[in-house]
């Protein structure tokens, strides 16, 4: 397992060591001890989620607030997505900055998004199966978010605007300037 730092404080890209031969491949998807040793971050996860989406679907930007905040370790098990994290921690040196990475079944990369970040992804292939490991349980009352198309953030989702498919919830998220996080 290799850990790559990103421009965002406490956000990491995780590249597994993959063993391939004529039978296929094997890799260790997660190891709590190695993760904590390499990042210094808590690697104890309590909930796993999986979503399947079609081309053009954009999910985000979401977060859990307060005592229900969640760190996430995300990956794409089928297809390809552009995954984005936005630092919403007001006391962070990278507050208001975003970073994105392409995650795919082919590259097998994972992206660690710490608590206090907004998170979202756009689907770049016909379908994508996306996996989330979360370090805290979901709580509907603690939902927060930022509008995917916020002008202050200016995120490039790697899709044309007319291709983007949104849920009603994601159409009406508040702006970054509103600070609902």
C-alpha atoms as a PDB file:
ATOM      1  CA  UNK A   1       0.000   0.000   0.000  1.00  0.00           C
ATOM      2  CA  UNK A   2       1.291   3.439  -0.932  1.00  0.00           C
ATOM      3  CA  UNK A   3      -0.056   6.699   0.458  1.00  0.00           C
ATOM      4  CA  UNK A   4       0.033   9.859  -1.655  1.00  0.00           C
ATOM      5  CA  UNK A   5      -0.598  13.234  -0.068  1.00  0.00           C
ATOM      6  CA  UNK A   6      -2.946  15.630  -1.831  1.00  0.00           C
ATOM      7  CA  UNK A   7      -2.935  19.445  -1.751  1.00  0.00           C
ATOM      8  CA  UNK A   8      -5.646  19.235   0.951  1.00  0.00           C
ATOM      9  CA  UNK A   9      -4.565  18.790   4.558  1.00  0.00           C
ATOM     10  CA  UNK A  10      -5.314  15.255   5.842  1.00  0.00           C
ATOM     11  CA  UNK A  11      -6.689  14.005   2.481  1.00  0.00           C
ATOM     12  CA  UNK A  12      -4.877  11.003   0.947  1.00  0.00           C
ATOM     13  CA  UNK A  13      -4.882   8.833  -2.164  1.00  0.00           C
ATOM     14  CA  UNK A  14      -4.220   5.192  -1.360  1.00  0.00           C
ATOM     15  CA  UNK A  15      -2.703   2.942  -3.979  1.00  0.00           C
ATOM     16  CA  UNK A  16      -2.834  -0.774  -3.181  1.00  0.00           C
ATOM     17  CA  UNK A  17      -0.129  -3.262  -4.042  1.00  0.00           C
ATOM     18  CA  UNK A  18      -1.714  -5.453  -6.721  1.00  0.00           C
ATOM     19  CA  UNK A  19      -0.524  -8.969  -7.481  1.00  0.00           C
ATOM     20  CA  UNK A  20      -1.515 -10.040 -10.999  1.00  0.00           C
ATOM     21  CA  UNK A  21      -0.988 -13.205 -12.987  1.00  0.00           C
ATOM     22  CA  UNK A  22      -2.812 -15.171 -15.684  1.00  0.00           C
ATOM     23  CA  UNK A  23      -5.553 -16.091 -13.163  1.00  0.00           C
ATOM     24  CA  UNK A  24      -6.442 -12.481 -12.359  1.00  0.00           C
ATOM     25  CA  UNK A  25      -5.380 -10.274  -9.489  1.00  0.00           C
ATOM     26  CA  UNK A  26      -5.320  -9.963  -5.709  1.00  0.00           C
ATOM     27  CA  UNK A  27      -4.859  -6.951  -3.475  1.00  0.00           C
ATOM     28  CA  UNK A  28      -5.453  -5.996   0.111  1.00  0.00           C
ATOM     29  CA  UNK A  29      -8.187  -3.353  -0.112  1.00  0.00           C
ATOM     30  CA  UNK A  30      -7.775  -2.101   3.448  1.00  0.00           C
ATOM     31  CA  UNK A  31      -5.558  -2.738   6.450  1.00  0.00           C
ATOM     32  CA  UNK A  32      -6.342  -0.608   9.512  1.00  0.00           C
ATOM     33  CA  UNK A  33      -2.882  -1.004  11.021  1.00  0.00           C
ATOM     34  CA  UNK A  34      -1.037   0.010   7.822  1.00  0.00           C
ATOM     35  CA  UNK A  35      -3.459   2.862   7.168  1.00  0.00           C
ATOM     36  CA  UNK A  36      -2.955   4.371  10.629  1.00  0.00           C
ATOM     37  CA  UNK A  37       0.816   3.859  10.446  1.00  0.00           C
ATOM     38  CA  UNK A  38       1.121   5.589   7.052  1.00  0.00           C
ATOM     39  CA  UNK A  39      -1.353   8.445   7.576  1.00  0.00           C
ATOM     40  CA  UNK A  40      -1.507   8.987  11.316  1.00  0.00           C
ATOM     41  CA  UNK A  41      -5.302   9.049  10.898  1.00  0.00           C
ATOM     42  CA  UNK A  42      -7.899   6.845  12.611  1.00  0.00           C
ATOM     43  CA  UNK A  43      -8.651   3.913  10.356  1.00  0.00           C
ATOM     44  CA  UNK A  44     -11.528   2.404  12.303  1.00  0.00           C
ATOM     45  CA  UNK A  45     -14.604   2.235  10.068  1.00  0.00           C
ATOM     46  CA  UNK A  46     -18.080   1.217  11.254  1.00  0.00           C
ATOM     47  CA  UNK A  47     -20.281   1.379   8.165  1.00  0.00           C
ATOM     48  CA  UNK A  48     -19.851   0.379   4.513  1.00  0.00           C
ATOM     49  CA  UNK A  49     -22.088   1.766   1.763  1.00  0.00           C
ATOM     50  CA  UNK A  50     -22.317   0.952  -1.948  1.00  0.00           C
ATOM     51  CA  UNK A  51     -24.068   2.888  -4.696  1.00  0.00           C
ATOM     52  CA  UNK A  52     -24.576   2.183  -8.378  1.00  0.00           C
ATOM     53  CA  UNK A  53     -25.074   5.081 -10.757  1.00  0.00           C
ATOM     54  CA  UNK A  54     -25.348   5.750 -14.483  1.00  0.00           C
ATOM     55  CA  UNK A  55     -23.249   7.999 -16.696  1.00  0.00           C
ATOM     56  CA  UNK A  56     -23.671  11.665 -15.841  1.00  0.00           C
ATOM     57  CA  UNK A  57     -24.945  11.158 -12.301  1.00  0.00           C
ATOM     58  CA  UNK A  58     -23.386  13.615  -9.879  1.00  0.00           C
ATOM     59  CA  UNK A  59     -23.762  12.887  -6.162  1.00  0.00           C
ATOM     60  CA  UNK A  60     -22.707  15.692  -3.846  1.00  0.00           C
ATOM     61  CA  UNK A  61     -21.465  17.708  -2.243  1.00  0.00           C
ATOM     62  CA  UNK A  62     -22.467  15.959   0.991  1.00  0.00           C
ATOM     63  CA  UNK A  63     -21.275  15.767   4.582  1.00  0.00           C
ATOM     64  CA  UNK A  64     -22.387  14.828   8.059  1.00  0.00           C
ATOM     65  CA  UNK A  65     -22.134  17.628  10.652  1.00  0.00           C
ATOM     66  CA  UNK A  66     -21.243  17.829  14.336  1.00  0.00           C
ATOM     67  CA  UNK A  67     -20.908  14.703  16.423  1.00  0.00           C
ATOM     68  CA  UNK A  68     -22.119  12.666  13.417  1.00  0.00           C
ATOM     69  CA  UNK A  69     -19.322  13.854  11.105  1.00  0.00           C
ATOM     70  CA  UNK A  70     -17.844  11.067   8.991  1.00  0.00           C
ATOM     71  CA  UNK A  71     -14.456  10.354   7.500  1.00  0.00           C
ATOM     72  CA  UNK A  72     -14.783   8.277   4.346  1.00  0.00           C
ATOM     73  CA  UNK A  73     -12.515   5.922   2.469  1.00  0.00           C
ATOM     74  CA  UNK A  74     -13.983   5.680  -1.012  1.00  0.00           C
ATOM     75  CA  UNK A  75     -13.288   3.589  -4.094  1.00  0.00           C
ATOM     76  CA  UNK A  76     -14.846   2.664  -7.414  1.00  0.00           C
ATOM     77  CA  UNK A  77     -15.437  -1.079  -7.830  1.00  0.00           C
ATOM     78  CA  UNK A  78     -16.878  -0.937 -11.347  1.00  0.00           C
ATOM     79  CA  UNK A  79     -16.534   1.799 -13.963  1.00  0.00           C
ATOM     80  CA  UNK A  80     -14.937   5.202 -13.408  1.00  0.00           C
ATOM     81  CA  UNK A  81     -15.778   8.325 -11.385  1.00  0.00           C
ATOM     82  CA  UNK A  82     -14.270  11.720 -10.722  1.00  0.00           C
ATOM     83  CA  UNK A  83     -14.216  12.017  -6.945  1.00  0.00           C
ATOM     84  CA  UNK A  84     -14.036  15.399  -5.169  1.00  0.00           C
ATOM     85  CA  UNK A  85     -13.311  16.507  -1.615  1.00  0.00           C
ATOM     86  CA  UNK A  86     -13.771  20.097  -0.379  1.00  0.00           C
ATOM     87  CA  UNK A  87     -12.155  21.222   2.865  1.00  0.00           C
ATOM     88  CA  UNK A  88     -14.947  22.823   4.952  1.00  0.00           C
ATOM     89  CA  UNK A  89     -12.972  22.999   8.209  1.00  0.00           C
ATOM     90  CA  UNK A  90     -12.835  26.726   8.978  1.00  0.00           C
ATOM     91  CA  UNK A  91      -9.602  26.373  10.977  1.00  0.00           C
ATOM     92  CA  UNK A  92      -7.774  24.473   8.211  1.00  0.00           C
ATOM     93  CA  UNK A  93      -5.053  26.034   6.035  1.00  0.00           C
ATOM     94  CA  UNK A  94      -6.820  24.516   3.004  1.00  0.00           C
ATOM     95  CA  UNK A  95     -10.348  25.723   3.943  1.00  0.00           C
ATOM     96  CA  UNK A  96     -12.451  26.301   0.820  1.00  0.00           C
ATOM     97  CA  UNK A  97     -10.117  24.383  -1.489  1.00  0.00           C
ATOM     98  CA  UNK A  98     -11.089  21.299  -3.453  1.00  0.00           C
ATOM     99  CA  UNK A  99      -9.218  18.376  -4.929  1.00  0.00           C
ATOM    100  CA  UNK A 100     -10.398  15.672  -7.301  1.00  0.00           C
ATOM    101  CA  UNK A 101      -9.082  12.302  -8.371  1.00  0.00           C
ATOM    102  CA  UNK A 102     -10.215   9.730 -10.909  1.00  0.00           C
ATOM    103  CA  UNK A 103     -11.136   6.467  -9.213  1.00  0.00           C
ATOM    104  CA  UNK A 104     -11.809   3.369 -11.291  1.00  0.00           C
ATOM    105  CA  UNK A 105     -12.042  -0.397 -11.174  1.00  0.00           C
ATOM    106  CA  UNK A 106      -8.936  -0.353 -13.345  1.00  0.00           C
ATOM    107  CA  UNK A 107      -6.675   1.863 -11.196  1.00  0.00           C
ATOM    108  CA  UNK A 108      -8.022   0.485  -7.867  1.00  0.00           C
ATOM    109  CA  UNK A 109      -7.169   3.756  -6.088  1.00  0.00           C
ATOM    110  CA  UNK A 110      -8.915   4.792  -2.884  1.00  0.00           C
ATOM    111  CA  UNK A 111      -9.435   8.306  -1.593  1.00  0.00           C
ATOM    112  CA  UNK A 112      -9.483   9.170   2.097  1.00  0.00           C
ATOM    113  CA  UNK A 113     -11.765  12.114   2.900  1.00  0.00           C
ATOM    114  CA  UNK A 114     -11.523  13.212   6.557  1.00  0.00           C
ATOM    115  CA  UNK A 115     -14.275  14.544   8.787  1.00  0.00           C
ATOM    116  CA  UNK A 116     -15.246  18.129   8.040  1.00  0.00           C
ATOM    117  CA  UNK A 117     -15.011  17.758   4.258  1.00  0.00           C
ATOM    118  CA  UNK A 118     -17.713  17.943   1.624  1.00  0.00           C
ATOM    119  CA  UNK A 119     -17.635  14.978  -0.743  1.00  0.00           C
ATOM    120  CA  UNK A 120     -19.089  14.154  -4.127  1.00  0.00           C
ATOM    121  CA  UNK A 121     -18.446  12.324  -7.372  1.00  0.00           C
ATOM    122  CA  UNK A 122     -19.489  12.296 -11.014  1.00  0.00           C
ATOM    123  CA  UNK A 123     -19.879   9.122 -13.069  1.00  0.00           C
ATOM    124  CA  UNK A 124     -17.721   9.022 -16.212  1.00  0.00           C
ATOM    125  CA  UNK A 125     -18.624   5.564 -17.579  1.00  0.00           C
ATOM    126  CA  UNK A 126     -21.918   3.894 -18.565  1.00  0.00           C
ATOM    127  CA  UNK A 127     -22.315   2.769 -14.947  1.00  0.00           C
ATOM    128  CA  UNK A 128     -20.205   2.870 -11.811  1.00  0.00           C
ATOM    129  CA  UNK A 129     -20.340   0.997  -8.519  1.00  0.00           C
ATOM    130  CA  UNK A 130     -18.966   3.158  -5.728  1.00  0.00           C
ATOM    131  CA  UNK A 131     -17.977   2.004  -2.222  1.00  0.00           C
ATOM    132  CA  UNK A 132     -17.738   4.107   0.949  1.00  0.00           C
ATOM    133  CA  UNK A 133     -16.186   3.057   4.256  1.00  0.00           C
ATOM    134  CA  UNK A 134     -17.376   5.471   6.988  1.00  0.00           C
ATOM    135  CA  UNK A 135     -15.941   5.972  10.472  1.00  0.00           C
ATOM    136  CA  UNK A 136     -19.272   7.061  11.981  1.00  0.00           C
ATOM    137  CA  UNK A 137     -22.879   6.017  11.487  1.00  0.00           C
ATOM    138  CA  UNK A 138     -25.151   7.972   9.157  1.00  0.00           C
ATOM    139  CA  UNK A 139     -27.626  10.356  10.813  1.00  0.00           C
ATOM    140  CA  UNK A 140     -30.251  12.056   8.622  1.00  0.00           C
ATOM    141  CA  UNK A 141     -30.576  15.074  10.948  1.00  0.00           C
ATOM    142  CA  UNK A 142     -26.820  15.753  10.602  1.00  0.00           C
ATOM    143  CA  UNK A 143     -26.863  16.045   6.793  1.00  0.00           C
ATOM    144  CA  UNK A 144     -25.184  19.069   5.281  1.00  0.00           C
ATOM    145  CA  UNK A 145     -23.948  20.048   1.897  1.00  0.00           C
ATOM    146  CA  UNK A 146     -22.791  22.589  -0.622  1.00  0.00           C
ATOM    147  CA  UNK A 147     -24.183  23.186  -4.105  1.00  0.00           C
ATOM    148  CA  UNK A 148     -22.264  21.139  -6.683  1.00  0.00           C
ATOM    149  CA  UNK A 149     -22.050  24.121  -9.057  1.00  0.00           C
ATOM    150  CA  UNK A 150     -20.984  26.712  -6.473  1.00  0.00           C
ATOM    151  CA  UNK A 151     -19.241  29.615  -8.226  1.00  0.00           C
ATOM    152  CA  UNK A 152     -16.758  30.188  -5.366  1.00  0.00           C
ATOM    153  CA  UNK A 153     -15.554  26.578  -5.516  1.00  0.00           C
ATOM    154  CA  UNK A 154     -15.638  26.327  -9.343  1.00  0.00           C
ATOM    155  CA  UNK A 155     -15.270  22.523  -9.414  1.00  0.00           C
ATOM    156  CA  UNK A 156     -14.583  20.833 -12.751  1.00  0.00           C
ATOM    157  CA  UNK A 157     -16.699  17.672 -12.612  1.00  0.00           C
ATOM    158  CA  UNK A 158     -15.358  16.385 -15.973  1.00  0.00           C
ATOM    159  CA  UNK A 159     -18.858  16.380 -17.481  1.00  0.00           C
ATOM    160  CA  UNK A 160     -20.713  18.848 -19.669  1.00  0.00           C
ATOM    161  CA  UNK A 161     -23.398  20.645 -17.657  1.00  0.00           C
ATOM    162  CA  UNK A 162     -26.197  19.305 -19.879  1.00  0.00           C
ATOM    163  CA  UNK A 163     -25.060  15.708 -19.137  1.00  0.00           C
ATOM    164  CA  UNK A 164     -25.306  16.057 -15.354  1.00  0.00           C
ATOM    165  CA  UNK A 165     -28.076  14.148 -13.570  1.00  0.00           C
ATOM    166  CA  UNK A 166     -28.892  15.328 -10.032  1.00  0.00           C
ATOM    167  CA  UNK A 167     -31.185  14.342  -7.208  1.00  0.00           C
ATOM    168  CA  UNK A 168     -33.623  16.992  -5.985  1.00  0.00           C
ATOM    169  CA  UNK A 169     -31.587  17.269  -2.777  1.00  0.00           C
ATOM    170  CA  UNK A 170     -28.424  18.074  -4.751  1.00  0.00           C
ATOM    171  CA  UNK A 171     -30.203  20.717  -6.869  1.00  0.00           C
ATOM    172  CA  UNK A 172     -31.012  22.815  -3.790  1.00  0.00           C
ATOM    173  CA  UNK A 173     -27.922  22.552  -1.574  1.00  0.00           C
ATOM    174  CA  UNK A 174     -26.782  25.923  -0.145  1.00  0.00           C
ATOM    175  CA  UNK A 175     -23.863  27.883  -1.544  1.00  0.00           C
ATOM    176  CA  UNK A 176     -20.390  27.773  -0.020  1.00  0.00           C
ATOM    177  CA  UNK A 177     -20.834  31.413   1.068  1.00  0.00           C
ATOM    178  CA  UNK A 178     -23.939  30.401   3.081  1.00  0.00           C
ATOM    179  CA  UNK A 179     -21.668  28.232   5.225  1.00  0.00           C
ATOM    180  CA  UNK A 180     -24.223  25.494   6.022  1.00  0.00           C
ATOM    181  CA  UNK A 181     -21.525  23.074   7.059  1.00  0.00           C
END
